[in-house]
Amino acid sequence: MVNELKEIARTLLEEGKVDVILAYGQGSFPFRSIPIFIEKPEGVEQMVFNPFCHHNLAKYIPQERDKRIGVVALGCTSRSLAVLLQEKQIARDLLHIIGVACPGMLDVKKLEDMVNLRKVEAIREDGDEIIVEPQGLRLNRRELLFDSCQLCPYPTPVLYDEIIGERREGVGGFPDVEEMEKLSPQEREDYLNERFALCIRCFACRLTCPSCYCKECFAESLLPRFVSHQVTMEDSRVFHLNRAMHLAGRCVSCGECLRACPLGVPMFILHRKMEKSAFELFQYTSGLDPSQPPLLNTYSPNDPDPEGE
């Protein structure tokens, strides 16, 4: 697969169809990848594609919006691109989307529970197994997937100019949200408050989110001030609940916010809840059709009223 990616990228650059290729490169360790920008054909040799290429590269597109960009897009990346196109943050004619049917990416934290990462020299795939060298460990690939990948409904890109890899079927439903919904109102409040209390408001979740691009975030507004500079559970609750509302109909469940959190605070569930509500109330799934108006930019007098008024 990586050879196909390199060939496509090299051709796009040599023919002058794009100014830059946004792809994945090798990180400092065998279990790390990094986003890279390639401007010359010979630079495509830096490209990699492995089970650790989880970054949602759509995050980097708006800051390069005046360039013609070729971007490697997994399923969630393509949906984020569709959201940015809906919201006029990027131009479709400046994008060349190289779709990759995603097999699911591996969670390093889960891998760390099974092997000493300091001794890992190489990691390779063999069918449904991951082989860790030099230990020679053979691990079940599916058990190491990110939770967001295990729940992904669209591993095959929904938007692309060309696509490589075997097309894959996704997983439907919201079993994680349904478990939370079984809790009583008080239990649910306690469940969320425990998570709000862990947050130090470093804003890593916001900074890595492809749909967070406001020049001034409400969390930093002084007039009016929504959130204080003190790190309290109450202020963290305001931040996360407001952010969840801002991402309603826009979040594609890529899981970047959860991966970026230095404390691993599982606030991803809030965005999944909003995604479930958007689907149940309005039959709307974010990031499927860039020509469709964003959910909260539409109105119909026949919209369902949960209160029954």
Protein backbone atom coordinates (compact mmCIF):
# COMPACT_ATOMS: atom_id res chain seq x y z
CA MET A 1 0.00 0.00 0.00
CA VAL A 2 2.75 2.46 0.87
CA ASN A 3 4.34 1.97 -2.57
CA GLU A 4 1.03 2.90 -4.22
CA LEU A 5 0.83 6.00 -2.04
CA LYS A 6 4.37 7.02 -2.97
CA GLU A 7 3.72 6.55 -6.67
CA ILE A 8 0.54 8.62 -6.60
CA ALA A 9 2.20 11.36 -4.57
CA ARG A 10 5.26 11.44 -6.83
CA THR A 11 3.10 11.71 -9.96
CA LEU A 12 1.01 14.55 -8.50
CA LEU A 13 4.13 16.54 -7.62
CA GLU A 14 5.97 15.84 -10.89
CA GLU A 15 2.96 16.85 -12.98
CA GLY A 16 2.47 20.00 -10.92
CA LYS A 17 -1.08 19.08 -9.92
CA VAL A 18 -0.41 19.90 -6.26
CA ASP A 19 2.01 22.15 -4.41
CA VAL A 20 2.38 19.90 -1.39
CA ILE A 21 1.50 16.40 -0.23
CA LEU A 22 0.24 15.97 3.32
CA ALA A 23 0.99 12.43 4.46
CA TYR A 24 2.49 10.29 7.22
CA GLY A 25 6.17 9.92 8.07
CA GLN A 26 8.08 7.75 10.51
CA GLY A 27 8.30 9.04 14.07
CA SER A 28 11.13 8.62 16.54
CA PHE A 29 10.00 5.11 17.51
CA PRO A 30 8.65 2.12 15.55
CA PHE A 31 5.23 2.72 17.14
CA ARG A 32 5.02 6.43 16.24
CA SER A 33 4.11 8.27 13.04
CA ILE A 34 4.08 12.00 12.31
CA PRO A 35 2.31 14.26 9.79
CA ILE A 36 4.71 15.44 7.08
CA PHE A 37 4.52 18.01 4.27
CA ILE A 38 6.26 17.00 1.03
CA GLU A 39 6.98 19.62 -1.64
CA LYS A 40 9.43 17.79 -3.92
CA PRO A 41 9.03 14.43 -5.72
CA GLU A 42 12.09 12.93 -4.05
CA GLY A 43 10.52 13.68 -0.67
CA VAL A 44 7.87 10.98 -1.14
CA GLU A 45 10.41 8.41 0.05
CA GLN A 46 9.74 9.73 3.56
CA MET A 47 6.15 8.49 3.38
CA VAL A 48 5.03 5.56 5.50
CA PHE A 49 1.75 3.83 6.13
CA ASN A 50 1.57 1.58 9.17
CA PRO A 51 -0.83 0.71 12.03
CA PHE A 52 0.15 3.90 13.88
CA CYS A 53 -0.90 6.47 11.24
CA HIS A 54 -3.85 7.66 13.29
CA HIS A 55 -3.51 11.44 12.90
CA ASN A 56 -6.50 13.17 11.32
CA LEU A 57 -4.64 15.14 8.65
CA ALA A 58 -7.68 17.34 7.93
CA LYS A 59 -6.55 19.43 10.91
CA TYR A 60 -3.65 20.87 8.89
CA ILE A 61 -5.55 21.79 5.71
CA PRO A 62 -7.10 25.18 6.68
CA GLN A 63 -3.71 26.67 7.59
CA GLU A 64 -2.49 25.87 4.06
CA ARG A 65 -5.75 26.80 2.36
CA ASP A 66 -4.12 28.86 -0.44
CA LYS A 67 -2.08 25.90 -1.68
CA ARG A 68 -3.06 22.97 -3.87
CA ILE A 69 -2.81 20.08 -1.46
CA GLY A 70 -2.73 16.34 -1.95
CA VAL A 71 -3.78 14.66 1.27
CA VAL A 72 -3.77 11.05 2.42
CA ALA A 73 -7.26 10.51 3.84
CA LEU A 74 -8.51 7.66 6.00
CA GLY A 75 -12.25 7.24 6.54
CA CYS A 76 -12.46 9.71 9.43
CA THR A 77 -10.14 12.17 7.67
CA SER A 78 -12.38 12.20 4.60
CA ARG A 79 -15.41 12.94 6.79
CA SER A 80 -13.58 15.81 8.50
CA LEU A 81 -12.71 17.19 5.08
CA ALA A 82 -16.39 17.02 4.15
CA VAL A 83 -17.28 19.01 7.29
CA LEU A 84 -14.65 21.67 6.48
CA LEU A 85 -15.99 21.89 2.91
CA GLN A 86 -19.53 22.32 4.22
CA GLU A 87 -18.35 25.18 6.41
CA LYS A 88 -16.36 26.87 3.60
CA GLN A 89 -13.04 26.48 5.43
CA ILE A 90 -11.33 24.83 2.46
CA ALA A 91 -11.89 24.75 -1.31
CA ARG A 92 -12.57 21.45 -3.07
CA ASP A 93 -10.76 22.47 -6.26
CA LEU A 94 -7.53 22.93 -4.27
CA LEU A 95 -7.70 19.43 -2.80
CA HIS A 96 -6.59 16.12 -4.25
CA ILE A 97 -7.80 13.45 -1.83
CA ILE A 98 -5.93 10.15 -1.83
CA GLY A 99 -8.34 7.85 -0.03
CA VAL A 100 -7.07 4.88 1.95
CA ALA A 101 -9.43 2.17 3.18
CA CYS A 102 -8.46 2.10 6.85
CA PRO A 103 -7.84 -1.25 8.58
CA GLY A 104 -7.97 0.46 11.99
CA MET A 105 -5.09 1.97 13.94
CA LEU A 106 -3.35 0.56 17.01
CA ASP A 107 -3.49 2.12 20.45
CA VAL A 108 0.04 2.44 21.84
CA LYS A 109 -1.35 2.51 25.39
CA LYS A 110 -2.90 -0.92 24.88
CA LEU A 111 0.34 -2.15 23.35
CA GLU A 112 2.26 -0.80 26.34
CA ASP A 113 0.21 -3.02 28.64
CA MET A 114 1.50 -6.09 26.79
CA VAL A 115 5.12 -5.28 25.94
CA ASN A 116 8.00 -3.13 27.14
CA LEU A 117 8.06 -0.39 24.51
CA ARG A 118 11.64 0.55 25.32
CA LYS A 119 12.81 -2.78 23.94
CA VAL A 120 10.72 -2.70 20.76
CA GLU A 121 12.82 -2.47 17.59
CA ALA A 122 10.20 -3.18 14.94
CA ILE A 123 6.50 -3.90 14.58
CA ARG A 124 5.03 -5.61 11.54
CA GLU A 125 1.70 -7.05 10.50
CA ASP A 126 0.92 -10.62 9.56
CA GLY A 127 -2.74 -10.96 8.69
CA ASP A 128 -4.77 -10.48 11.86
CA GLU A 129 -1.69 -10.48 14.05
CA ILE A 130 0.91 -7.92 15.06
CA ILE A 131 4.48 -9.19 15.45
CA VAL A 132 6.70 -7.31 17.88
CA GLU A 133 10.46 -7.63 17.39
CA PRO A 134 12.91 -8.67 18.74
CA GLN A 135 10.63 -10.33 21.30
CA GLY A 136 8.81 -12.23 18.58
CA LEU A 137 5.47 -11.64 20.28
CA ARG A 138 2.38 -12.28 18.17
CA LEU A 139 -0.59 -10.17 19.32
CA ASN A 140 -4.20 -10.06 18.18
CA ARG A 141 -4.57 -6.96 16.04
CA ARG A 142 -8.21 -6.26 16.86
CA GLU A 143 -7.56 -6.26 20.60
CA LEU A 144 -5.07 -3.42 20.13
CA LEU A 145 -7.30 -1.14 18.05
CA PHE A 146 -8.32 2.27 19.34
CA ASP A 147 -11.82 2.23 20.79
CA SER A 148 -12.85 4.78 18.15
CA CYS A 149 -11.60 2.42 15.41
CA GLN A 150 -13.58 -0.49 16.84
CA LEU A 151 -16.72 1.65 16.58
CA CYS A 152 -15.92 3.28 13.22
CA PRO A 153 -18.91 3.28 10.82
CA TYR A 154 -16.95 4.47 7.77
CA PRO A 155 -13.42 3.00 7.56
CA THR A 156 -13.58 3.45 3.78
CA PRO A 157 -13.32 7.14 2.78
CA VAL A 158 -16.57 8.77 1.73
CA LEU A 159 -14.81 11.51 -0.25
CA TYR A 160 -11.79 10.94 -2.52
CA ASP A 161 -10.26 11.52 -5.95
CA GLU A 162 -8.69 8.08 -5.95
CA ILE A 163 -8.70 5.28 -3.45
CA ILE A 164 -6.39 2.42 -2.59
CA GLY A 165 -6.76 -0.57 -0.31
CA GLU A 166 -9.51 -3.10 0.20
CA ARG A 167 -12.86 -1.46 0.90
CA ARG A 168 -14.11 -2.23 4.38
CA GLU A 169 -17.50 -2.27 6.06
CA GLY A 170 -17.93 -0.26 9.22
CA VAL A 171 -19.64 -0.86 12.53
CA GLY A 172 -23.06 0.65 13.21
CA GLY A 173 -24.75 1.79 16.40
CA PHE A 174 -23.65 3.48 19.60
CA PRO A 175 -23.12 0.71 22.18
CA ASP A 176 -20.82 2.90 24.29
CA VAL A 177 -23.41 5.68 24.57
CA GLU A 178 -26.20 3.21 25.28
CA GLU A 179 -24.29 1.93 28.30
CA MET A 180 -24.07 5.46 29.68
CA GLU A 181 -27.76 6.07 28.98
CA LYS A 182 -28.68 3.13 31.21
CA LEU A 183 -27.50 5.14 34.22
CA SER A 184 -29.93 7.14 36.30
CA PRO A 185 -29.72 10.96 35.98
CA GLN A 186 -27.73 11.18 39.24
CA GLU A 187 -25.42 8.34 38.25
CA ARG A 188 -24.86 9.95 34.88
CA GLU A 189 -24.02 13.27 36.50
CA ASP A 190 -21.54 11.58 38.84
CA TYR A 191 -20.09 9.62 35.91
CA LEU A 192 -19.38 12.83 33.98
CA ASN A 193 -18.29 14.88 36.99
CA GLU A 194 -15.59 12.31 37.75
CA ARG A 195 -14.20 12.97 34.29
CA PHE A 196 -14.58 16.76 34.48
CA ALA A 197 -12.63 16.72 37.74
CA LEU A 198 -9.64 15.08 36.01
CA CYS A 199 -9.36 17.75 33.31
CA ILE A 200 -6.56 20.33 33.65
CA ARG A 201 -7.86 22.36 30.68
CA CYS A 202 -4.67 22.21 28.67
CA PHE A 203 -6.94 22.39 25.58
CA ALA A 204 -5.05 19.61 23.81
CA CYS A 205 -8.42 18.15 22.76
CA ARG A 206 -9.41 21.44 21.15
CA LEU A 207 -6.05 21.99 19.48
CA THR A 208 -6.03 18.58 17.78
CA CYS A 209 -9.68 18.63 16.65
CA PRO A 210 -10.16 19.26 12.89
CA SER A 211 -13.50 20.96 13.60
CA CYS A 212 -12.07 23.42 16.15
CA TYR A 213 -10.75 26.33 14.10
CA CYS A 214 -12.27 29.46 15.71
CA LYS A 215 -9.79 32.33 15.98
CA GLU A 216 -11.11 33.02 19.46
CA CYS A 217 -12.45 30.14 21.50
CA PHE A 218 -15.31 30.78 23.92
CA ALA A 219 -13.08 29.30 26.64
CA GLU A 220 -10.69 32.24 26.25
CA SER A 221 -13.26 34.98 25.83
CA LEU A 222 -13.05 37.82 28.36
CA LEU A 223 -16.25 39.65 27.42
CA PRO A 224 -18.31 37.74 28.21
CA ARG A 225 -16.25 35.33 30.30
CA PHE A 226 -17.64 31.81 30.14
CA VAL A 227 -14.78 29.98 31.84
CA SER A 228 -12.41 31.24 34.52
CA HIS A 229 -8.66 30.65 34.48
CA GLN A 230 -8.95 28.50 37.59
CA VAL A 231 -8.78 24.76 37.09
CA THR A 232 -11.98 23.68 38.79
CA MET A 233 -14.41 20.89 38.07
CA GLU A 234 -17.20 23.42 37.47
CA ASP A 235 -15.21 25.36 34.86
CA SER A 236 -14.07 22.16 33.17
CA ARG A 237 -17.70 21.05 33.00
CA VAL A 238 -18.69 24.31 31.29
CA PHE A 239 -15.83 23.93 28.81
CA HIS A 240 -16.59 20.33 27.84
CA LEU A 241 -20.36 20.69 27.68
CA ASN A 242 -20.09 23.83 25.54
CA ARG A 243 -17.51 22.21 23.31
CA ALA A 244 -19.77 19.17 22.88
CA MET A 245 -22.61 21.47 21.80
CA HIS A 246 -20.31 23.28 19.36
CA LEU A 247 -19.38 19.95 17.78
CA ALA A 248 -22.95 18.69 17.47
CA GLY A 249 -23.44 17.53 13.89
CA ARG A 250 -19.75 18.19 13.18
CA CYS A 251 -17.80 15.57 15.15
CA VAL A 252 -16.83 12.50 13.11
CA SER A 253 -15.65 10.39 16.08
CA CYS A 254 -12.05 10.23 14.86
CA GLY A 255 -10.88 10.02 18.50
CA GLU A 256 -8.06 12.56 18.14
CA CYS A 257 -9.25 14.43 21.24
CA LEU A 258 -8.94 11.32 23.38
CA ARG A 259 -5.51 10.44 21.97
CA ALA A 260 -4.20 13.98 22.56
CA CYS A 261 -5.32 14.20 26.20
CA PRO A 262 -2.23 13.85 28.43
CA LEU A 263 -4.38 12.40 31.21
CA GLY A 264 -6.52 10.19 29.01
CA VAL A 265 -9.75 11.81 30.23
CA PRO A 266 -12.52 9.93 28.38
CA MET A 267 -14.62 12.92 27.25
CA PHE A 268 -15.02 11.29 23.83
CA ILE A 269 -18.29 9.84 25.12
CA LEU A 270 -19.89 13.30 25.17
CA HIS A 271 -19.30 13.79 21.46
CA ARG A 272 -20.55 10.31 20.73
CA LYS A 273 -23.72 11.17 22.64
CA MET A 274 -24.25 14.28 20.51
CA GLU A 275 -23.62 12.25 17.37
CA LYS A 276 -26.24 9.72 18.45
CA SER A 277 -28.77 12.47 19.20
CA ALA A 278 -28.21 14.09 15.80
CA PHE A 279 -28.83 10.75 14.11
CA GLU A 280 -31.92 9.83 16.11
CA LEU A 281 -33.58 13.25 16.02
CA PHE A 282 -32.69 14.39 12.52
CA GLN A 283 -31.36 11.27 10.73
CA TYR A 284 -28.14 13.25 10.26
CA THR A 285 -24.63 11.81 10.15
CA SER A 286 -21.78 14.29 9.99
CA GLY A 287 -19.21 14.36 7.22
CA LEU A 288 -20.98 12.31 4.55
CA ASP A 289 -21.98 14.93 1.99
CA PRO A 290 -20.05 18.21 1.58
CA SER A 291 -22.91 19.65 -0.50
CA GLN A 292 -25.38 19.13 2.36
CA PRO A 293 -25.96 22.10 4.72
CA PRO A 294 -24.48 21.65 8.22
CA LEU A 295 -27.00 20.29 10.72
CA LEU A 296 -27.33 23.45 12.81
CA ASN A 297 -27.57 25.67 9.71
CA THR A 298 -30.90 24.14 8.74
CA TYR A 299 -34.39 24.53 10.07
CA SER A 300 -37.70 22.91 9.35
CA PRO A 301 -41.04 23.52 11.11
CA ASN A 302 -41.42 19.75 11.04
CA ASP A 303 -38.27 19.14 13.09
CA PRO A 304 -39.06 16.74 15.96
CA ASP A 305 -39.66 18.26 19.37
CA PRO A 306 -38.34 15.98 22.16
CA GLU A 307 -40.54 17.79 24.70
CA GLY A 308 -43.67 17.14 22.66
CA GLU A 309 -44.79 20.78 22.66
